[in-house]
C-alpha atoms as a PDB file:
ATOM      1  CA  MET A   1      19.876   8.584 -22.454  1.00  0.00           C
ATOM      2  CA  CYS A   2      20.294   6.410 -19.199  1.00  0.00           C
ATOM      3  CA  TYR A   3      21.075   2.921 -18.476  1.00  0.00           C
ATOM      4  CA  THR A   4      20.143   2.102 -14.825  1.00  0.00           C
ATOM      5  CA  ILE A   5      19.983  -0.897 -12.693  1.00  0.00           C
ATOM      6  CA  HIS A   6      19.016  -1.084  -8.747  1.00  0.00           C
ATOM      7  CA  ASN A   7      21.571  -2.915  -7.147  1.00  0.00           C
ATOM      8  CA  PRO A   8      20.124  -4.996  -4.248  1.00  0.00           C
ATOM      9  CA  ARG A   9      23.277  -4.939  -2.478  1.00  0.00           C
ATOM     10  CA  PHE A  10      23.292  -1.062  -1.846  1.00  0.00           C
ATOM     11  CA  LEU A  11      19.763  -0.247  -0.617  1.00  0.00           C
ATOM     12  CA  GLY A  12      18.585   3.005  -2.320  1.00  0.00           C
ATOM     13  CA  VAL A  13      21.597   3.141  -4.712  1.00  0.00           C
ATOM     14  CA  ILE A  14      21.101   3.151  -8.486  1.00  0.00           C
ATOM     15  CA  MET A  15      23.750   2.518 -10.585  1.00  0.00           C
ATOM     16  CA  GLY A  16      24.004   3.028 -14.378  1.00  0.00           C
ATOM     17  CA  TRP A  17      25.436   4.460 -17.690  1.00  0.00           C
ATOM     18  CA  GLU A  18      24.384   7.758 -18.530  1.00  0.00           C
ATOM     19  CA  GLN A  19      25.611   9.274 -21.938  1.00  0.00           C
ATOM     20  CA  ARG A  20      26.593  12.499 -22.004  1.00  0.00           C
ATOM     21  CA  GLY A  21      27.534  13.952 -25.467  1.00  0.00           C
ATOM     22  CA  ASN A  22      28.700  11.186 -27.664  1.00  0.00           C
ATOM     23  CA  LYS A  23      30.658   9.295 -24.240  1.00  0.00           C
ATOM     24  CA  LEU A  24      29.097   7.138 -21.704  1.00  0.00           C
ATOM     25  CA  TYR A  25      29.626   8.076 -18.160  1.00  0.00           C
ATOM     26  CA  TYR A  26      29.232   5.382 -14.956  1.00  0.00           C
ATOM     27  CA  TYR A  27      27.003   7.297 -12.477  1.00  0.00           C
ATOM     28  CA  GLU A  28      25.651   6.174  -8.877  1.00  0.00           C
ATOM     29  CA  LYS A  29      22.645   7.765  -7.839  1.00  0.00           C
ATOM     30  CA  GLU A  30      21.657   7.803  -4.010  1.00  0.00           C
ATOM     31  CA  ARG A  31      18.411   9.201  -2.500  1.00  0.00           C
ATOM     32  CA  ASP A  32      18.860  11.536   0.514  1.00  0.00           C
ATOM     33  CA  GLY A  33      15.215  12.479   1.696  1.00  0.00           C
ATOM     34  CA  LYS A  34      13.612  14.244  -1.370  1.00  0.00           C
ATOM     35  CA  ARG A  35      16.654  14.925  -3.271  1.00  0.00           C
ATOM     36  CA  VAL A  36      19.068  12.400  -5.580  1.00  0.00           C
ATOM     37  CA  ILE A  37      22.688  12.609  -5.487  1.00  0.00           C
ATOM     38  CA  SER A  38      24.455  11.835  -8.412  1.00  0.00           C
ATOM     39  CA  ARG A  39      28.166  10.637  -8.075  1.00  0.00           C
ATOM     40  CA  TYR A  40      30.579   9.940 -11.129  1.00  0.00           C
ATOM     41  CA  LEU A  41      32.643   6.858 -11.017  1.00  0.00           C
ATOM     42  CA  PRO A  42      36.077   7.149 -12.468  1.00  0.00           C
ATOM     43  CA  SER A  43      36.872   4.671 -15.520  1.00  0.00           C
ATOM     44  CA  PRO A  44      38.434   1.700 -13.385  1.00  0.00           C
ATOM     45  CA  ILE A  45      35.927   1.831 -11.090  1.00  0.00           C
ATOM     46  CA  SER A  46      33.311   2.315 -13.834  1.00  0.00           C
ATOM     47  CA  SER A  47      34.331  -0.940 -15.477  1.00  0.00           C
ATOM     48  CA  TYR A  48      34.167  -3.046 -12.283  1.00  0.00           C
ATOM     49  CA  ALA A  49      31.188  -1.475 -11.762  1.00  0.00           C
ATOM     50  CA  GLY A  50      29.596  -2.422 -15.215  1.00  0.00           C
ATOM     51  CA  ILE A  51      30.765  -5.937 -15.068  1.00  0.00           C
ATOM     52  CA  LEU A  52      28.754  -6.120 -11.709  1.00  0.00           C
ATOM     53  CA  GLN A  53      25.752  -4.354 -13.435  1.00  0.00           C
ATOM     54  CA  GLU A  54      25.602  -7.237 -16.277  1.00  0.00           C
ATOM     55  CA  GLN A  55      26.173  -9.772 -13.902  1.00  0.00           C
ATOM     56  CA  ALA A  56      23.106  -8.707 -11.961  1.00  0.00           C
ATOM     57  CA  ASN A  57      21.175  -8.202 -15.085  1.00  0.00           C
ATOM     58  CA  GLU A  58      22.156 -11.703 -16.318  1.00  0.00           C
ATOM     59  CA  THR A  59      21.345 -13.151 -12.676  1.00  0.00           C
ATOM     60  CA  ARG A  60      17.606 -11.295 -12.789  1.00  0.00           C
ATOM     61  CA  GLU A  61      17.251 -12.658 -16.160  1.00  0.00           C
ATOM     62  CA  LEU A  62      17.968 -16.267 -15.242  1.00  0.00           C
ATOM     63  CA  LYS A  63      15.848 -16.061 -12.263  1.00  0.00           C
ATOM     64  CA  ARG A  64      13.024 -14.987 -14.271  1.00  0.00           C
ATOM     65  CA  VAL A  65      13.332 -17.857 -16.650  1.00  0.00           C
ATOM     66  CA  GLN A  66      13.580 -20.080 -13.875  1.00  0.00           C
ATOM     67  CA  ARG A  67      10.112 -18.697 -12.483  1.00  0.00           C
ATOM     68  CA  GLN A  68       8.823 -19.282 -15.830  1.00  0.00           C
ATOM     69  CA  LEU A  69       9.952 -22.668 -16.202  1.00  0.00           C
ATOM     70  CA  ASP A  70       8.546 -23.601 -12.435  1.00  0.00           C
ATOM     71  CA  ALA A  71       5.153 -22.402 -13.471  1.00  0.00           C
ATOM     72  CA  ASP A  72       5.287 -24.167 -16.538  1.00  0.00           C
ATOM     73  CA  ILE A  73       6.394 -27.345 -14.591  1.00  0.00           C
ATOM     74  CA  GLU A  74       3.867 -26.605 -11.740  1.00  0.00           C
ATOM     75  CA  GLN A  75       0.629 -26.587 -14.766  1.00  0.00           C
ATOM     76  CA  LEU A  76       2.041 -29.989 -15.943  1.00  0.00           C
ATOM     77  CA  ILE A  77       1.734 -31.451 -12.572  1.00  0.00           C
ATOM     78  CA  LYS A  78      -2.033 -29.940 -12.131  1.00  0.00           C
ATOM     79  CA  VAL A  79      -2.968 -31.094 -15.822  1.00  0.00           C
ATOM     80  CA  ASN A  80      -1.194 -34.764 -14.807  1.00  0.00           C
ATOM     81  CA  GLU A  81      -3.039 -34.571 -11.212  1.00  0.00           C
ATOM     82  CA  VAL A  82      -6.465 -34.300 -12.864  1.00  0.00           C
ATOM     83  CA  GLU A  83      -5.942 -36.943 -15.493  1.00  0.00           C
ATOM     84  CA  LEU A  84      -4.566 -39.446 -12.678  1.00  0.00           C
ATOM     85  CA  LYS A  85      -7.530 -38.421 -10.404  1.00  0.00           C
ATOM     86  CA  ARG A  86     -10.112 -39.576 -13.214  1.00  0.00           C
ATOM     87  CA  GLU A  87      -7.936 -42.783 -14.040  1.00  0.00           C
ATOM     88  CA  LEU A  88      -7.754 -43.822 -10.379  1.00  0.00           C
ATOM     89  CA  ALA A  89     -12.089 -43.367  -9.982  1.00  0.00           C
ATOM     90  CA  GLN A  90     -12.412 -45.466 -13.093  1.00  0.00           C
ATOM     91  CA  ALA A  91     -10.110 -48.166 -11.936  1.00  0.00           C
ATOM     92  CA  LEU A  92     -11.744 -48.230  -8.484  1.00  0.00           C
ATOM     93  CA  LEU A  93     -15.007 -47.970  -9.856  1.00  0.00           C
ATOM     94  CA  ALA A  94     -14.459 -51.103 -11.932  1.00  0.00           C
ATOM     95  CA  ALA A  95     -12.762 -52.796  -8.844  1.00  0.00           C
ATOM     96  CA  GLY A  96     -16.245 -52.428  -6.783  1.00  0.00           C
ATOM     97  CA  TYR A  97     -15.570 -49.237  -4.771  1.00  0.00           C
ATOM     98  CA  HIS A  98     -17.873 -46.369  -4.330  1.00  0.00           C
ATOM     99  CA  LYS A  99     -16.882 -43.053  -3.165  1.00  0.00           C
ATOM    100  CA  HIS A 100     -18.777 -42.219   0.442  1.00  0.00           C
ATOM    101  CA  LYS A 101     -18.293 -38.870   1.800  1.00  0.00           C
ATOM    102  CA  GLY A 102     -15.305 -38.457  -0.182  1.00  0.00           C
ATOM    103  CA  THR A 103     -13.421 -41.662   0.364  1.00  0.00           C
ATOM    104  CA  TRP A 104     -12.931 -44.535  -1.533  1.00  0.00           C
ATOM    105  CA  ARG A 105     -14.633 -47.753  -0.016  1.00  0.00           C
ATOM    106  CA  LYS A 106     -15.228 -51.557  -1.045  1.00  0.00           C
ATOM    107  CA  LYS A 107     -18.784 -52.274  -1.645  1.00  0.00           C
ATOM    108  CA  ARG A 108     -20.501 -55.127   0.604  1.00  0.00           C
ATOM    109  CA  LYS A 109     -21.214 -58.027  -0.456  1.00  0.00           C
ATOM    110  CA  PRO A 110     -24.912 -59.017   0.003  1.00  0.00           C
ATOM    111  CA  LYS A 111     -25.687 -61.493   2.709  1.00  0.00           C
ATOM    112  CA  ASN A 112     -27.016 -64.756   1.768  1.00  0.00           C
END
């Protein structure tokens, strides 16, 4: 089983925990042409790298949640905009305005 993350700070480098037997080891993988080079990171470095990996995962999840919230807010704005335009049109029609080539204009009063 392999737990990997693509680290944006190191282009082309993938870091992750790999299970070998009953233990987890931290490896850094880098592509060299068509070959993939795998480097073992010793325990003190792997602990730090693991913390960085967890922080990167949390950051990515927060960004995903933020994008979803932004999309939800954008949808609410669009719905409210449609309702607001409809209410504005009704108010302007009631006040004696009409639409002429996409712009609202006041109806002329008849000449006596």
